Amino acid sequence: MGRCSRARHVVWLRQILRRWKVMAAAAAAVPLGHVAVCVGSSSRRFVVRVTHLNHPVFRQLLRQAEEVYGFPSRSGPVALPCDESLFEDALCLVSFSSSSSSRFANCNLEDCDFNNIR
């Protein structure tokens, strides 16, 4: 009887492990219409709408990423060479400008202080 109970326990644990792996993989997936980016020295991961990449602020960040890192040779998050707080400000600006009219249509990052970019 003890052996049967132990086998059931092992089967149960394997099922739990499989469910956990599926849930973990789903959580790491990027939703359709979004892209993952890593920012800052700690490579903090953000998931950004693809439509935001057309904004002048993001285009400037992507140009700088190309200059610093070159084109990515692997799949995965795009690395952006800026400080987390600067990226959060840029994301807020882009989100706000996409929800309002074209108030920031001519906005770019040249007016910002890039001393924190590495």
N, C-alpha and C. Protein backbone atom coordinates (compact mmCIF):
# COMPACT_ATOMS: atom_id res chain seq x y z
N MET A 1 0.81 -1.19 0.00
CA MET A 1 0.00 0.00 0.00
C MET A 1 0.86 1.26 0.00
N GLY A 2 1.94 1.27 0.74
CA GLY A 2 2.81 2.43 0.83
C GLY A 2 3.42 2.78 -0.50
N ARG A 3 3.75 1.75 -1.28
CA ARG A 3 4.38 1.96 -2.57
C ARG A 3 3.40 2.60 -3.55
N CYS A 4 2.17 2.17 -3.55
CA CYS A 4 1.13 2.72 -4.42
C CYS A 4 0.88 4.19 -4.09
N SER A 5 0.84 4.49 -2.81
CA SER A 5 0.62 5.86 -2.37
C SER A 5 1.79 6.75 -2.80
N ARG A 6 2.98 6.22 -2.70
CA ARG A 6 4.17 6.98 -3.09
C ARG A 6 4.17 7.24 -4.59
N ALA A 7 3.78 6.26 -5.39
CA ALA A 7 3.71 6.42 -6.85
C ALA A 7 2.69 7.49 -7.22
N ARG A 8 1.55 7.48 -6.54
CA ARG A 8 0.54 8.51 -6.80
C ARG A 8 1.08 9.90 -6.47
N HIS A 9 1.82 9.97 -5.39
CA HIS A 9 2.39 11.25 -4.97
C HIS A 9 3.38 11.76 -6.03
N VAL A 10 4.22 10.87 -6.57
CA VAL A 10 5.18 11.24 -7.61
C VAL A 10 4.44 11.71 -8.87
N VAL A 11 3.41 11.00 -9.25
CA VAL A 11 2.62 11.40 -10.43
C VAL A 11 1.98 12.76 -10.20
N TRP A 12 1.45 12.97 -9.03
CA TRP A 12 0.83 14.25 -8.68
C TRP A 12 1.86 15.38 -8.76
N LEU A 13 3.05 15.16 -8.23
CA LEU A 13 4.10 16.18 -8.28
C LEU A 13 4.51 16.50 -9.72
N ARG A 14 4.60 15.49 -10.56
CA ARG A 14 4.94 15.71 -11.97
C ARG A 14 3.86 16.54 -12.67
N GLN A 15 2.61 16.27 -12.37
CA GLN A 15 1.53 17.04 -12.97
C GLN A 15 1.58 18.50 -12.52
N ILE A 16 1.84 18.72 -11.26
CA ILE A 16 1.98 20.08 -10.73
C ILE A 16 3.13 20.79 -11.43
N LEU A 17 4.26 20.10 -11.60
CA LEU A 17 5.42 20.68 -12.25
C LEU A 17 5.11 21.05 -13.70
N ARG A 18 4.42 20.19 -14.42
CA ARG A 18 4.04 20.48 -15.81
C ARG A 18 3.14 21.71 -15.88
N ARG A 19 2.16 21.79 -14.99
CA ARG A 19 1.26 22.95 -14.97
C ARG A 19 2.04 24.23 -14.67
N TRP A 20 2.97 24.15 -13.73
CA TRP A 20 3.77 25.31 -13.38
C TRP A 20 4.62 25.77 -14.56
N LYS A 21 5.21 24.82 -15.29
CA LYS A 21 6.02 25.17 -16.46
C LYS A 21 5.18 25.85 -17.54
N VAL A 22 3.98 25.36 -17.76
CA VAL A 22 3.10 25.96 -18.76
C VAL A 22 2.71 27.38 -18.34
N MET A 23 2.39 27.56 -17.07
CA MET A 23 2.02 28.89 -16.58
C MET A 23 3.21 29.85 -16.65
N ALA A 24 4.41 29.37 -16.32
CA ALA A 24 5.59 30.22 -16.37
C ALA A 24 5.91 30.63 -17.81
N ALA A 25 5.76 29.71 -18.75
CA ALA A 25 6.01 30.02 -20.15
C ALA A 25 5.00 31.04 -20.67
N ALA A 26 3.76 30.91 -20.25
CA ALA A 26 2.72 31.84 -20.68
C ALA A 26 2.97 33.23 -20.12
N ALA A 27 3.47 33.31 -18.90
CA ALA A 27 3.74 34.61 -18.28
C ALA A 27 4.90 35.32 -18.96
N ALA A 28 5.87 34.58 -19.48
CA ALA A 28 7.03 35.17 -20.13
C ALA A 28 6.75 35.56 -21.57
N ALA A 29 5.66 35.08 -22.13
CA ALA A 29 5.33 35.37 -23.52
C ALA A 29 4.92 36.83 -23.66
N VAL A 30 5.24 37.39 -24.81
CA VAL A 30 4.88 38.77 -25.11
C VAL A 30 3.56 38.76 -25.87
N PRO A 31 2.58 39.53 -25.44
CA PRO A 31 1.29 39.54 -26.12
C PRO A 31 1.42 40.01 -27.57
N LEU A 32 0.49 39.61 -28.38
CA LEU A 32 0.47 40.01 -29.77
C LEU A 32 0.35 41.52 -29.87
N GLY A 33 1.16 42.12 -30.73
CA GLY A 33 1.14 43.57 -30.90
C GLY A 33 2.03 44.31 -29.92
N HIS A 34 2.87 43.58 -29.20
CA HIS A 34 3.79 44.17 -28.22
C HIS A 34 5.20 43.65 -28.47
N VAL A 35 6.17 44.34 -27.90
CA VAL A 35 7.56 43.92 -27.98
C VAL A 35 8.20 44.11 -26.61
N ALA A 36 9.12 43.21 -26.27
CA ALA A 36 9.82 43.31 -24.99
C ALA A 36 11.10 44.11 -25.17
N VAL A 37 11.39 44.99 -24.23
CA VAL A 37 12.63 45.75 -24.23
C VAL A 37 13.27 45.65 -22.85
N CYS A 38 14.59 45.65 -22.82
CA CYS A 38 15.34 45.66 -21.56
C CYS A 38 16.04 47.00 -21.43
N VAL A 39 15.96 47.59 -20.25
CA VAL A 39 16.44 48.95 -20.04
C VAL A 39 17.27 49.00 -18.76
N GLY A 40 18.29 49.83 -18.78
CA GLY A 40 19.05 50.11 -17.58
C GLY A 40 20.14 49.10 -17.29
N SER A 41 20.90 49.38 -16.25
CA SER A 41 22.01 48.50 -15.87
C SER A 41 21.53 47.16 -15.34
N SER A 42 20.31 47.12 -14.81
CA SER A 42 19.76 45.88 -14.30
C SER A 42 18.96 45.11 -15.35
N SER A 43 18.91 45.66 -16.57
CA SER A 43 18.15 45.06 -17.68
C SER A 43 16.71 44.79 -17.30
N ARG A 44 16.08 45.80 -16.75
CA ARG A 44 14.67 45.68 -16.38
C ARG A 44 13.83 45.50 -17.65
N ARG A 45 12.92 44.55 -17.62
CA ARG A 45 12.13 44.20 -18.80
C ARG A 45 10.80 44.95 -18.80
N PHE A 46 10.50 45.56 -19.96
CA PHE A 46 9.23 46.23 -20.18
C PHE A 46 8.59 45.62 -21.41
N VAL A 47 7.27 45.59 -21.45
CA VAL A 47 6.53 45.16 -22.63
C VAL A 47 5.82 46.39 -23.17
N VAL A 48 6.15 46.74 -24.43
CA VAL A 48 5.71 47.99 -25.03
C VAL A 48 4.88 47.69 -26.27
N ARG A 49 3.86 48.49 -26.52
CA ARG A 49 3.08 48.34 -27.74
C ARG A 49 3.94 48.62 -28.96
N VAL A 50 3.76 47.83 -30.01
CA VAL A 50 4.53 48.00 -31.24
C VAL A 50 4.25 49.37 -31.85
N THR A 51 3.04 49.87 -31.71
CA THR A 51 2.71 51.17 -32.28
C THR A 51 3.52 52.29 -31.65
N HIS A 52 3.98 52.11 -30.41
CA HIS A 52 4.80 53.13 -29.76
C HIS A 52 6.16 53.27 -30.43
N LEU A 53 6.62 52.23 -31.10
CA LEU A 53 7.95 52.27 -31.72
C LEU A 53 8.02 53.28 -32.87
N ASN A 54 6.89 53.69 -33.40
CA ASN A 54 6.86 54.70 -34.46
C ASN A 54 6.99 56.11 -33.92
N HIS A 55 6.83 56.30 -32.64
CA HIS A 55 6.91 57.63 -32.03
C HIS A 55 8.35 58.14 -32.13
N PRO A 56 8.53 59.45 -32.37
CA PRO A 56 9.89 59.99 -32.48
C PRO A 56 10.78 59.71 -31.28
N VAL A 57 10.21 59.67 -30.10
CA VAL A 57 11.00 59.39 -28.90
C VAL A 57 11.59 57.98 -28.97
N PHE A 58 10.76 57.00 -29.33
CA PHE A 58 11.26 55.63 -29.44
C PHE A 58 12.20 55.46 -30.62
N ARG A 59 11.94 56.16 -31.71
CA ARG A 59 12.86 56.08 -32.84
C ARG A 59 14.25 56.55 -32.45
N GLN A 60 14.30 57.62 -31.66
CA GLN A 60 15.60 58.11 -31.18
C GLN A 60 16.28 57.08 -30.27
N LEU A 61 15.52 56.45 -29.38
CA LEU A 61 16.09 55.42 -28.51
C LEU A 61 16.58 54.22 -29.33
N LEU A 62 15.84 53.85 -30.35
CA LEU A 62 16.25 52.72 -31.20
C LEU A 62 17.49 53.06 -32.01
N ARG A 63 17.62 54.30 -32.47
CA ARG A 63 18.85 54.71 -33.18
C ARG A 63 20.05 54.61 -32.24
N GLN A 64 19.86 55.07 -31.01
CA GLN A 64 20.96 55.02 -30.04
C GLN A 64 21.31 53.57 -29.70
N ALA A 65 20.31 52.72 -29.61
CA ALA A 65 20.57 51.30 -29.34
C ALA A 65 21.37 50.69 -30.48
N GLU A 66 21.05 51.08 -31.71
CA GLU A 66 21.79 50.57 -32.86
C GLU A 66 23.24 51.03 -32.82
N GLU A 67 23.47 52.29 -32.42
CA GLU A 67 24.83 52.81 -32.33
C GLU A 67 25.63 52.10 -31.24
N VAL A 68 24.99 51.85 -30.12
CA VAL A 68 25.70 51.24 -28.98
C VAL A 68 25.88 49.74 -29.16
N TYR A 69 24.79 49.03 -29.52
CA TYR A 69 24.81 47.57 -29.55
C TYR A 69 24.86 46.98 -30.95
N GLY A 70 24.59 47.76 -31.98
CA GLY A 70 24.47 47.20 -33.31
C GLY A 70 23.12 46.51 -33.46
N PHE A 71 22.95 45.80 -34.55
CA PHE A 71 21.70 45.09 -34.75
C PHE A 71 21.70 43.82 -33.91
N PRO A 72 20.57 43.47 -33.32
CA PRO A 72 20.53 42.26 -32.49
C PRO A 72 20.70 41.01 -33.35
N SER A 73 21.53 40.10 -32.87
CA SER A 73 21.76 38.85 -33.60
C SER A 73 20.97 37.70 -33.00
N ARG A 74 20.21 37.98 -31.97
CA ARG A 74 19.43 36.93 -31.31
C ARG A 74 18.01 37.43 -31.12
N SER A 75 17.13 36.49 -30.93
CA SER A 75 15.76 36.90 -30.62
C SER A 75 15.68 37.19 -29.13
N GLY A 76 14.67 37.92 -28.76
CA GLY A 76 14.51 38.26 -27.36
C GLY A 76 14.29 39.75 -27.21
N PRO A 77 14.34 40.24 -25.99
CA PRO A 77 14.07 41.67 -25.76
C PRO A 77 15.10 42.56 -26.44
N VAL A 78 14.66 43.72 -26.89
CA VAL A 78 15.54 44.71 -27.48
C VAL A 78 16.20 45.48 -26.33
N ALA A 79 17.51 45.61 -26.35
CA ALA A 79 18.22 46.34 -25.31
C ALA A 79 18.28 47.81 -25.67
N LEU A 80 17.85 48.67 -24.76
CA LEU A 80 17.89 50.11 -24.97
C LEU A 80 18.90 50.72 -23.99
N PRO A 81 19.82 51.55 -24.50
CA PRO A 81 20.88 52.10 -23.65
C PRO A 81 20.45 53.38 -22.94
N CYS A 82 19.55 53.26 -22.00
CA CYS A 82 19.17 54.44 -21.23
C CYS A 82 18.81 54.03 -19.81
N ASP A 83 18.73 55.00 -18.96
CA ASP A 83 18.39 54.79 -17.57
C ASP A 83 16.90 54.42 -17.46
N GLU A 84 16.56 53.62 -16.48
CA GLU A 84 15.17 53.19 -16.29
C GLU A 84 14.22 54.37 -16.11
N SER A 85 14.64 55.36 -15.33
CA SER A 85 13.75 56.50 -15.08
C SER A 85 13.52 57.30 -16.36
N LEU A 86 14.55 57.45 -17.20
CA LEU A 86 14.39 58.14 -18.47
C LEU A 86 13.44 57.36 -19.38
N PHE A 87 13.56 56.03 -19.38
CA PHE A 87 12.68 55.22 -20.21
C PHE A 87 11.24 55.32 -19.72
N GLU A 88 11.04 55.28 -18.43
CA GLU A 88 9.68 55.39 -17.89
C GLU A 88 9.07 56.74 -18.25
N ASP A 89 9.88 57.82 -18.21
CA ASP A 89 9.39 59.13 -18.63
C ASP A 89 9.03 59.13 -20.11
N ALA A 90 9.89 58.52 -20.93
CA ALA A 90 9.61 58.45 -22.37
C ALA A 90 8.36 57.63 -22.64
N LEU A 91 8.20 56.53 -21.93
CA LEU A 91 7.01 55.69 -22.10
C LEU A 91 5.74 56.45 -21.70
N CYS A 92 5.82 57.21 -20.63
CA CYS A 92 4.70 58.02 -20.19
C CYS A 92 4.36 59.07 -21.25
N LEU A 93 5.38 59.72 -21.79
CA LEU A 93 5.17 60.72 -22.83
C LEU A 93 4.53 60.11 -24.07
N VAL A 94 5.02 58.96 -24.49
CA VAL A 94 4.49 58.30 -25.68
C VAL A 94 3.06 57.84 -25.44
N SER A 95 2.79 57.28 -24.28
CA SER A 95 1.44 56.83 -23.96
C SER A 95 0.47 58.01 -23.91
N PHE A 96 0.93 59.11 -23.33
CA PHE A 96 0.08 60.29 -23.24
C PHE A 96 -0.18 60.89 -24.62
N SER A 97 0.86 60.98 -25.44
CA SER A 97 0.70 61.59 -26.76
C SER A 97 -0.14 60.72 -27.69
N SER A 98 -0.12 59.40 -27.48
CA SER A 98 -0.95 58.55 -28.33
C SER A 98 -2.41 58.61 -27.90
N SER A 99 -2.65 58.95 -26.62
CA SER A 99 -4.04 59.04 -26.16
C SER A 99 -4.64 60.41 -26.43
N SER A 100 -3.78 61.43 -26.57
CA SER A 100 -4.30 62.76 -26.89
C SER A 100 -4.12 63.00 -28.38
N SER A 101 -4.39 64.22 -28.80
CA SER A 101 -4.22 64.54 -30.21
C SER A 101 -2.73 64.59 -30.52
N SER A 102 -2.36 65.21 -31.58
CA SER A 102 -0.96 65.23 -31.99
C SER A 102 -0.18 66.33 -31.27
N ARG A 103 -0.44 66.48 -29.99
CA ARG A 103 0.19 67.52 -29.19
C ARG A 103 1.72 67.40 -29.17
N PHE A 104 2.22 66.17 -29.16
CA PHE A 104 3.66 65.95 -29.12
C PHE A 104 4.17 65.38 -30.44
N ALA A 105 3.55 65.69 -31.53
CA ALA A 105 3.93 65.09 -32.81
C ALA A 105 5.38 65.41 -33.18
N ASN A 106 5.87 66.57 -32.82
CA ASN A 106 7.24 66.95 -33.18
C ASN A 106 8.21 66.78 -32.02
N CYS A 107 7.81 66.03 -31.03
CA CYS A 107 8.64 65.84 -29.84
C CYS A 107 9.77 64.86 -30.14
N ASN A 108 10.95 65.13 -29.60
CA ASN A 108 12.05 64.16 -29.68
C ASN A 108 12.88 64.24 -28.42
N LEU A 109 13.83 63.37 -28.30
CA LEU A 109 14.64 63.30 -27.08
C LEU A 109 15.84 64.23 -27.10
N GLU A 110 16.01 65.02 -28.14
CA GLU A 110 17.16 65.92 -28.18
C GLU A 110 17.06 66.99 -27.12
N ASP A 111 15.86 67.27 -26.63
CA ASP A 111 15.67 68.25 -25.57
C ASP A 111 15.96 67.66 -24.19
N CYS A 112 16.13 66.35 -24.10
CA CYS A 112 16.35 65.69 -22.82
C CYS A 112 17.83 65.60 -22.50
N ASP A 113 18.12 65.41 -21.25
CA ASP A 113 19.49 65.24 -20.78
C ASP A 113 19.87 63.78 -20.88
N PHE A 114 20.88 63.47 -21.70
CA PHE A 114 21.28 62.07 -21.92
C PHE A 114 22.54 61.70 -21.14
N ASN A 115 22.81 62.37 -20.04
CA ASN A 115 23.99 62.03 -19.25
C ASN A 115 23.89 60.64 -18.64
N ASN A 116 22.68 60.12 -18.48
CA ASN A 116 22.49 58.82 -17.85
C ASN A 116 22.53 57.67 -18.84
N ILE A 117 22.69 57.96 -20.13
CA ILE A 117 22.67 56.89 -21.13
C ILE A 117 24.03 56.22 -21.19
N ARG A 118 24.01 54.91 -21.19
CA ARG A 118 25.23 54.11 -21.30
C ARG A 118 24.98 52.98 -22.23
